[in-house]
């Protein structure tokens, strides 16, 4: 059974209007408490810093492309092989007769992952690409 980290309590003073907006945000996002939301916002900020400083991170690259486009599947596979040191896995989905979607799970240096993402999204025939920037989880508790 995992050991729960020790909790630290602290107070936060904010303007009444900002608190009301934050509470509306909590309800809309389904948070059970202000503490849960504050923890998530802190973690989000820390993950953004990890990516900005270029550390070892994790994430996902998703993209949709027209599989009839000349040699696109070969070009996308070649890119993933070129960046094999950051590619963990790929899931390929046939959306319909013309369109495929791939989800590439990545882990490694942020700059290499960003370079792979930029190469994928600029490939002719890719209709849309997006990236999820997350963390390997180390140092987040």
Foldseek 3Di string as FASTA:
>chain_A
DDDDDDDDDDDDDDDPVVVVVLVVVCVVVVHPDPVVVVLVVVQVVVLVVCLVVFFKFKKKKKFKFFPVPPCLVVVLVVLCVVLVVFWDDKDWADPDPTMIMMMTITIGTSVSVVVSNVVSQPDPGTPDMDMTRHGPPPPSD
